[in-house]
C-alpha cells in the first residue's frame, strides 16, 4: 500500500490529520491495518495477518484491505502509488 500522509494514530482507535484538523474513529479492523502500515507491509501481508487475527478467509481479508485502501485514497490520506513498491509506511 502507499504511504500514509501525516496521520497520527493512537492506541484508543482515533486517527488525527494535523494538516486538515480532521479526526477519525477507527474500528478494530482499521486500527489493525493502520498499525501494520506503520511498519511498511504489502497488501497481501496485511490481508494474511488480518485473516489470522480476525479468523476470516484470506479472500475476505484481502477485500477488506483493498476497500479500506480505497477509502484512504478518497480521503487523501494516502500518497499516490510509488513506482518502486506498494508499502504503506508512515513518513
C-alpha atoms as a PDB file:
ATOM      1  CA  UNK A   1       0.000   0.000   0.000  1.00  0.00           C
ATOM      2  CA  UNK A   2       1.036   3.604  -0.417  1.00  0.00           C
ATOM      3  CA  UNK A   3       2.408   5.784   2.347  1.00  0.00           C
ATOM      4  CA  UNK A   4       0.026   7.377   4.809  1.00  0.00           C
ATOM      5  CA  UNK A   5       0.169  11.165   4.774  1.00  0.00           C
ATOM      6  CA  UNK A   6       0.735  12.814   8.139  1.00  0.00           C
ATOM      7  CA  UNK A   7      -1.762  10.686  10.062  1.00  0.00           C
ATOM      8  CA  UNK A   8      -1.358  10.420  13.839  1.00  0.00           C
ATOM      9  CA  UNK A   9      -2.866   7.238  15.289  1.00  0.00           C
ATOM     10  CA  UNK A  10      -3.318   6.411  18.970  1.00  0.00           C
ATOM     11  CA  UNK A  11      -3.969   3.128  20.765  1.00  0.00           C
ATOM     12  CA  UNK A  12      -7.573   4.081  21.557  1.00  0.00           C
ATOM     13  CA  UNK A  13      -8.686   3.865  17.933  1.00  0.00           C
ATOM     14  CA  UNK A  14      -8.504   7.513  16.918  1.00  0.00           C
ATOM     15  CA  UNK A  15      -6.601   8.985  13.985  1.00  0.00           C
ATOM     16  CA  UNK A  16      -5.872  12.676  13.529  1.00  0.00           C
ATOM     17  CA  UNK A  17      -4.676  14.531  10.449  1.00  0.00           C
ATOM     18  CA  UNK A  18      -2.928  17.669  11.768  1.00  0.00           C
ATOM     19  CA  UNK A  19      -2.822  19.448   8.412  1.00  0.00           C
ATOM     20  CA  UNK A  20      -6.608  19.319   7.930  1.00  0.00           C
ATOM     21  CA  UNK A  21      -7.747  19.076  11.552  1.00  0.00           C
ATOM     22  CA  UNK A  22      -9.885  16.042  10.718  1.00  0.00           C
ATOM     23  CA  UNK A  23     -10.128  13.193  13.176  1.00  0.00           C
ATOM     24  CA  UNK A  24     -11.396   9.688  12.584  1.00  0.00           C
ATOM     25  CA  UNK A  25     -12.716   6.930  14.853  1.00  0.00           C
ATOM     26  CA  UNK A  26     -11.270   3.601  13.773  1.00  0.00           C
ATOM     27  CA  UNK A  27     -12.862   0.202  14.210  1.00  0.00           C
ATOM     28  CA  UNK A  28     -10.646  -2.729  15.222  1.00  0.00           C
ATOM     29  CA  UNK A  29     -10.021  -3.762  11.636  1.00  0.00           C
ATOM     30  CA  UNK A  30      -8.992  -0.280  10.506  1.00  0.00           C
ATOM     31  CA  UNK A  31      -6.794   0.195  13.553  1.00  0.00           C
ATOM     32  CA  UNK A  32      -5.064  -3.141  12.931  1.00  0.00           C
ATOM     33  CA  UNK A  33      -4.479  -2.322   9.249  1.00  0.00           C
ATOM     34  CA  UNK A  34      -3.047   1.103  10.054  1.00  0.00           C
ATOM     35  CA  UNK A  35      -0.776  -0.360  12.732  1.00  0.00           C
ATOM     36  CA  UNK A  36       0.629  -2.747  10.129  1.00  0.00           C
ATOM     37  CA  UNK A  37       1.084   0.149   7.716  1.00  0.00           C
ATOM     38  CA  UNK A  38       3.404   1.798  10.212  1.00  0.00           C
ATOM     39  CA  UNK A  39       5.927  -0.953   9.524  1.00  0.00           C
ATOM     40  CA  UNK A  40       5.567  -0.986   5.716  1.00  0.00           C
ATOM     41  CA  UNK A  41       3.645  -4.167   4.947  1.00  0.00           C
ATOM     42  CA  UNK A  42       2.427  -5.200   1.499  1.00  0.00           C
ATOM     43  CA  UNK A  43      -1.323  -5.604   0.869  1.00  0.00           C
ATOM     44  CA  UNK A  44      -1.015  -9.401   0.792  1.00  0.00           C
ATOM     45  CA  UNK A  45       0.908  -9.411   4.084  1.00  0.00           C
ATOM     46  CA  UNK A  46      -1.704  -7.204   5.730  1.00  0.00           C
ATOM     47  CA  UNK A  47      -4.536  -9.400   4.427  1.00  0.00           C
ATOM     48  CA  UNK A  48      -2.785 -12.530   5.680  1.00  0.00           C
ATOM     49  CA  UNK A  49      -2.293 -11.103   9.174  1.00  0.00           C
ATOM     50  CA  UNK A  50      -5.834  -9.709   9.198  1.00  0.00           C
ATOM     51  CA  UNK A  51      -7.248 -13.135   8.280  1.00  0.00           C
ATOM     52  CA  UNK A  52      -5.289 -14.764  11.093  1.00  0.00           C
ATOM     53  CA  UNK A  53      -6.131 -12.117  13.694  1.00  0.00           C
ATOM     54  CA  UNK A  54      -9.876 -11.970  12.970  1.00  0.00           C
ATOM     55  CA  UNK A  55     -10.290 -15.597  11.847  1.00  0.00           C
ATOM     56  CA  UNK A  56     -11.663 -14.844   8.385  1.00  0.00           C
ATOM     57  CA  UNK A  57     -10.647 -16.148   4.974  1.00  0.00           C
ATOM     58  CA  UNK A  58      -7.718 -14.586   3.165  1.00  0.00           C
ATOM     59  CA  UNK A  59     -10.093 -13.539   0.349  1.00  0.00           C
ATOM     60  CA  UNK A  60     -12.377 -11.681   2.763  1.00  0.00           C
ATOM     61  CA  UNK A  61      -9.429 -10.018   4.487  1.00  0.00           C
ATOM     62  CA  UNK A  62      -7.910  -9.027   1.145  1.00  0.00           C
ATOM     63  CA  UNK A  63     -11.168  -7.382   0.055  1.00  0.00           C
ATOM     64  CA  UNK A  64     -11.330  -5.515   3.391  1.00  0.00           C
ATOM     65  CA  UNK A  65      -7.776  -4.223   2.972  1.00  0.00           C
ATOM     66  CA  UNK A  66      -8.335  -3.123  -0.625  1.00  0.00           C
ATOM     67  CA  UNK A  67     -11.647  -1.392   0.235  1.00  0.00           C
ATOM     68  CA  UNK A  68     -10.065   0.352   3.217  1.00  0.00           C
ATOM     69  CA  UNK A  69      -7.187   1.457   0.981  1.00  0.00           C
ATOM     70  CA  UNK A  70      -9.715   2.957  -1.443  1.00  0.00           C
ATOM     71  CA  UNK A  71     -11.352   4.887   1.423  1.00  0.00           C
ATOM     72  CA  UNK A  72      -7.958   6.220   2.498  1.00  0.00           C
ATOM     73  CA  UNK A  73      -7.246   7.301  -1.076  1.00  0.00           C
ATOM     74  CA  UNK A  74     -10.643   9.016  -1.343  1.00  0.00           C
ATOM     75  CA  UNK A  75      -9.906  10.927   1.874  1.00  0.00           C
ATOM     76  CA  UNK A  76      -6.450  11.801   0.503  1.00  0.00           C
ATOM     77  CA  UNK A  77      -4.790  10.066   3.435  1.00  0.00           C
ATOM     78  CA  UNK A  78      -2.530   8.014   1.153  1.00  0.00           C
ATOM     79  CA  UNK A  79       0.114   9.295  -1.218  1.00  0.00           C
ATOM     80  CA  UNK A  80      -0.129   8.248  -4.864  1.00  0.00           C
ATOM     81  CA  UNK A  81       1.303   4.805  -5.624  1.00  0.00           C
ATOM     82  CA  UNK A  82       5.110   4.988  -5.725  1.00  0.00           C
ATOM     83  CA  UNK A  83       6.753   3.433  -8.770  1.00  0.00           C
ATOM     84  CA  UNK A  84       9.145   1.384  -6.605  1.00  0.00           C
ATOM     85  CA  UNK A  85       6.726  -0.633  -4.458  1.00  0.00           C
ATOM     86  CA  UNK A  86       3.453  -0.915  -2.629  1.00  0.00           C
ATOM     87  CA  UNK A  87       4.248  -0.346   1.022  1.00  0.00           C
ATOM     88  CA  UNK A  88       2.188   1.829   3.331  1.00  0.00           C
ATOM     89  CA  UNK A  89       4.762   3.064   5.826  1.00  0.00           C
ATOM     90  CA  UNK A  90       4.267   6.359   7.597  1.00  0.00           C
ATOM     91  CA  UNK A  91       6.508   9.295   6.822  1.00  0.00           C
END
